[in-house]
Amino acid sequence: MHIRWTYLRPHWRLAALALLLAGISQVLALVDPIIFGIIIDEFALGRAGKSEEQLVSGVLRLLALAVLVAVLSRLAKAMQEYITRLVVQKLGTSILIRASSPSRCATSS
């Protein structure tokens, strides 16, 4: 583990950002069912005392919110995947450069 940490240490901020974005993406993905639950509870089952205009505008507002949350979740997931690939690329490059350095090759002969 110590060897991995020596390679990862220069990129810890990017790795932490990737973990943060993964968490944000998961939380946003969990908000969608809550929004649809509100739509069902408030506008499909609990219609009493609401005009048709209020029902339609309320549902449309919540659907727009659901779309916004879904887009933000996908955006966070895409950024997390990009940053993770960047960290893996930098990590692989660091390992390859260190493995092929002349001082490393001279000591292994």
C-alpha atoms as a PDB file:
ATOM      1  CA  MET A   1       0.000   0.000   0.000  1.00  0.00           C
ATOM      2  CA  HIS A   2       2.888   2.324   0.755  1.00  0.00           C
ATOM      3  CA  ILE A   3       4.213   1.983  -2.796  1.00  0.00           C
ATOM      4  CA  ARG A   4       0.805   2.842  -4.263  1.00  0.00           C
ATOM      5  CA  TRP A   5       0.504   5.875  -2.029  1.00  0.00           C
ATOM      6  CA  THR A   6       3.884   7.217  -3.188  1.00  0.00           C
ATOM      7  CA  TYR A   7       2.586   7.226  -6.765  1.00  0.00           C
ATOM      8  CA  LEU A   8      -0.858   8.553  -5.840  1.00  0.00           C
ATOM      9  CA  ARG A   9       0.324  11.299  -3.472  1.00  0.00           C
ATOM     10  CA  PRO A  10       0.958  13.914  -6.222  1.00  0.00           C
ATOM     11  CA  HIS A  11      -2.584  13.364  -7.540  1.00  0.00           C
ATOM     12  CA  TRP A  12      -4.514  13.101  -4.276  1.00  0.00           C
ATOM     13  CA  ARG A  13      -6.539  16.238  -4.986  1.00  0.00           C
ATOM     14  CA  LEU A  14      -7.836  14.853  -8.265  1.00  0.00           C
ATOM     15  CA  ALA A  15      -8.616  11.507  -6.616  1.00  0.00           C
ATOM     16  CA  ALA A  16     -10.495  13.274  -3.803  1.00  0.00           C
ATOM     17  CA  LEU A  17     -12.433  15.342  -6.361  1.00  0.00           C
ATOM     18  CA  ALA A  18     -13.389  12.158  -8.221  1.00  0.00           C
ATOM     19  CA  LEU A  19     -14.690  10.631  -4.971  1.00  0.00           C
ATOM     20  CA  LEU A  20     -16.624  13.799  -4.153  1.00  0.00           C
ATOM     21  CA  LEU A  21     -18.212  13.869  -7.612  1.00  0.00           C
ATOM     22  CA  ALA A  22     -19.142  10.193  -7.282  1.00  0.00           C
ATOM     23  CA  GLY A  23     -20.923  10.962  -4.017  1.00  0.00           C
ATOM     24  CA  ILE A  24     -22.734  13.955  -5.502  1.00  0.00           C
ATOM     25  CA  SER A  25     -23.831  11.876  -8.482  1.00  0.00           C
ATOM     26  CA  GLN A  26     -25.233   9.152  -6.233  1.00  0.00           C
ATOM     27  CA  VAL A  27     -27.100  11.616  -4.022  1.00  0.00           C
ATOM     28  CA  LEU A  28     -28.636  13.332  -7.051  1.00  0.00           C
ATOM     29  CA  ALA A  29     -29.637   9.952  -8.487  1.00  0.00           C
ATOM     30  CA  LEU A  30     -31.487   9.233  -5.237  1.00  0.00           C
ATOM     31  CA  VAL A  31     -33.433  12.500  -5.426  1.00  0.00           C
ATOM     32  CA  ASP A  32     -35.333  11.510  -8.591  1.00  0.00           C
ATOM     33  CA  PRO A  33     -37.519   8.867  -6.890  1.00  0.00           C
ATOM     34  CA  ILE A  34     -38.352  11.372  -4.157  1.00  0.00           C
ATOM     35  CA  ILE A  35     -39.565  13.881  -6.754  1.00  0.00           C
ATOM     36  CA  PHE A  36     -41.701  11.265  -8.493  1.00  0.00           C
ATOM     37  CA  GLY A  37     -43.091  10.194  -5.119  1.00  0.00           C
ATOM     38  CA  ILE A  38     -44.164  13.779  -4.477  1.00  0.00           C
ATOM     39  CA  ILE A  39     -45.800  13.928  -7.914  1.00  0.00           C
ATOM     40  CA  ILE A  40     -47.770  10.761  -7.218  1.00  0.00           C
ATOM     41  CA  ASP A  41     -48.718  11.679  -3.645  1.00  0.00           C
ATOM     42  CA  GLU A  42     -49.636  15.317  -4.251  1.00  0.00           C
ATOM     43  CA  PHE A  43     -51.031  15.332  -7.758  1.00  0.00           C
ATOM     44  CA  ALA A  44     -52.228  11.808  -8.602  1.00  0.00           C
ATOM     45  CA  LEU A  45     -53.622  10.636  -5.270  1.00  0.00           C
ATOM     46  CA  GLY A  46     -54.226  13.900  -3.389  1.00  0.00           C
ATOM     47  CA  ARG A  47     -56.106  15.918  -5.993  1.00  0.00           C
ATOM     48  CA  ALA A  48     -58.721  17.280  -3.583  1.00  0.00           C
ATOM     49  CA  GLY A  49     -59.220  21.025  -3.759  1.00  0.00           C
ATOM     50  CA  LYS A  50     -56.874  21.603  -6.704  1.00  0.00           C
ATOM     51  CA  SER A  51     -57.961  22.889 -10.055  1.00  0.00           C
ATOM     52  CA  GLU A  52     -56.750  21.251 -13.241  1.00  0.00           C
ATOM     53  CA  GLU A  53     -54.480  24.227 -13.914  1.00  0.00           C
ATOM     54  CA  GLN A  54     -52.844  23.841 -10.485  1.00  0.00           C
ATOM     55  CA  LEU A  55     -52.371  20.132 -11.073  1.00  0.00           C
ATOM     56  CA  VAL A  56     -50.775  20.588 -14.493  1.00  0.00           C
ATOM     57  CA  SER A  57     -48.499  23.456 -13.421  1.00  0.00           C
ATOM     58  CA  GLY A  58     -47.429  21.603 -10.277  1.00  0.00           C
ATOM     59  CA  VAL A  59     -46.614  18.422 -12.167  1.00  0.00           C
ATOM     60  CA  LEU A  60     -44.737  20.339 -14.874  1.00  0.00           C
ATOM     61  CA  ARG A  61     -42.652  22.185 -12.280  1.00  0.00           C
ATOM     62  CA  LEU A  62     -41.713  18.958 -10.544  1.00  0.00           C
ATOM     63  CA  LEU A  63     -40.955  17.226 -13.854  1.00  0.00           C
ATOM     64  CA  ALA A  64     -38.677  20.112 -14.821  1.00  0.00           C
ATOM     65  CA  LEU A  65     -36.944  19.739 -11.463  1.00  0.00           C
ATOM     66  CA  ALA A  66     -36.577  15.989 -12.076  1.00  0.00           C
ATOM     67  CA  VAL A  67     -34.994  16.637 -15.474  1.00  0.00           C
ATOM     68  CA  LEU A  68     -32.609  19.192 -13.956  1.00  0.00           C
ATOM     69  CA  VAL A  69     -31.599  16.774 -11.202  1.00  0.00           C
ATOM     70  CA  ALA A  70     -31.059  13.978 -13.749  1.00  0.00           C
ATOM     71  CA  VAL A  71     -28.904  16.223 -15.948  1.00  0.00           C
ATOM     72  CA  LEU A  72     -26.823  17.355 -12.964  1.00  0.00           C
ATOM     73  CA  SER A  73     -26.403  13.740 -11.853  1.00  0.00           C
ATOM     74  CA  ARG A  74     -25.193  12.704 -15.309  1.00  0.00           C
ATOM     75  CA  LEU A  75     -22.873  15.703 -15.488  1.00  0.00           C
ATOM     76  CA  ALA A  76     -21.326  14.870 -12.116  1.00  0.00           C
ATOM     77  CA  LYS A  77     -20.933  11.232 -13.185  1.00  0.00           C
ATOM     78  CA  ALA A  78     -19.284  12.209 -16.478  1.00  0.00           C
ATOM     79  CA  MET A  79     -16.872  14.565 -14.727  1.00  0.00           C
ATOM     80  CA  GLN A  80     -16.092  11.888 -12.131  1.00  0.00           C
ATOM     81  CA  GLU A  81     -15.299   9.357 -14.859  1.00  0.00           C
ATOM     82  CA  TYR A  82     -13.107  11.863 -16.716  1.00  0.00           C
ATOM     83  CA  ILE A  83     -11.146  12.772 -13.594  1.00  0.00           C
ATOM     84  CA  THR A  84     -10.767   9.108 -12.624  1.00  0.00           C
ATOM     85  CA  ARG A  85      -9.364   8.316 -16.063  1.00  0.00           C
ATOM     86  CA  LEU A  86      -7.030  11.295 -15.766  1.00  0.00           C
ATOM     87  CA  VAL A  87      -5.720  10.065 -12.406  1.00  0.00           C
ATOM     88  CA  VAL A  88      -5.237   6.550 -13.788  1.00  0.00           C
ATOM     89  CA  GLN A  89      -3.388   7.963 -16.789  1.00  0.00           C
ATOM     90  CA  LYS A  90      -1.101  10.088 -14.624  1.00  0.00           C
ATOM     91  CA  LEU A  91      -0.528   7.193 -12.238  1.00  0.00           C
ATOM     92  CA  GLY A  92       0.352   4.839 -15.086  1.00  0.00           C
ATOM     93  CA  THR A  93       2.695   7.388 -16.594  1.00  0.00           C
ATOM     94  CA  SER A  94       4.455   7.881 -13.260  1.00  0.00           C
ATOM     95  CA  ILE A  95       4.944   4.139 -12.815  1.00  0.00           C
ATOM     96  CA  LEU A  96       6.168   3.691 -16.389  1.00  0.00           C
ATOM     97  CA  ILE A  97       8.629   6.580 -16.159  1.00  0.00           C
ATOM     98  CA  ARG A  98      10.007   5.326 -12.857  1.00  0.00           C
ATOM     99  CA  ALA A  99      10.282   1.744 -14.128  1.00  0.00           C
ATOM    100  CA  SER A 100      12.137   2.803 -17.274  1.00  0.00           C
ATOM    101  CA  SER A 101      14.467   5.342 -15.675  1.00  0.00           C
ATOM    102  CA  PRO A 102      18.203   4.641 -16.200  1.00  0.00           C
ATOM    103  CA  SER A 103      18.968   4.496 -12.473  1.00  0.00           C
ATOM    104  CA  ARG A 104      16.316   1.795 -11.994  1.00  0.00           C
ATOM    105  CA  CYS A 105      17.612  -0.225 -14.952  1.00  0.00           C
ATOM    106  CA  ALA A 106      21.229   0.026 -13.799  1.00  0.00           C
ATOM    107  CA  THR A 107      20.420  -1.385 -10.347  1.00  0.00           C
ATOM    108  CA  SER A 108      18.381  -4.281 -11.701  1.00  0.00           C
ATOM    109  CA  SER A 109      21.219  -5.642 -13.913  1.00  0.00           C
END
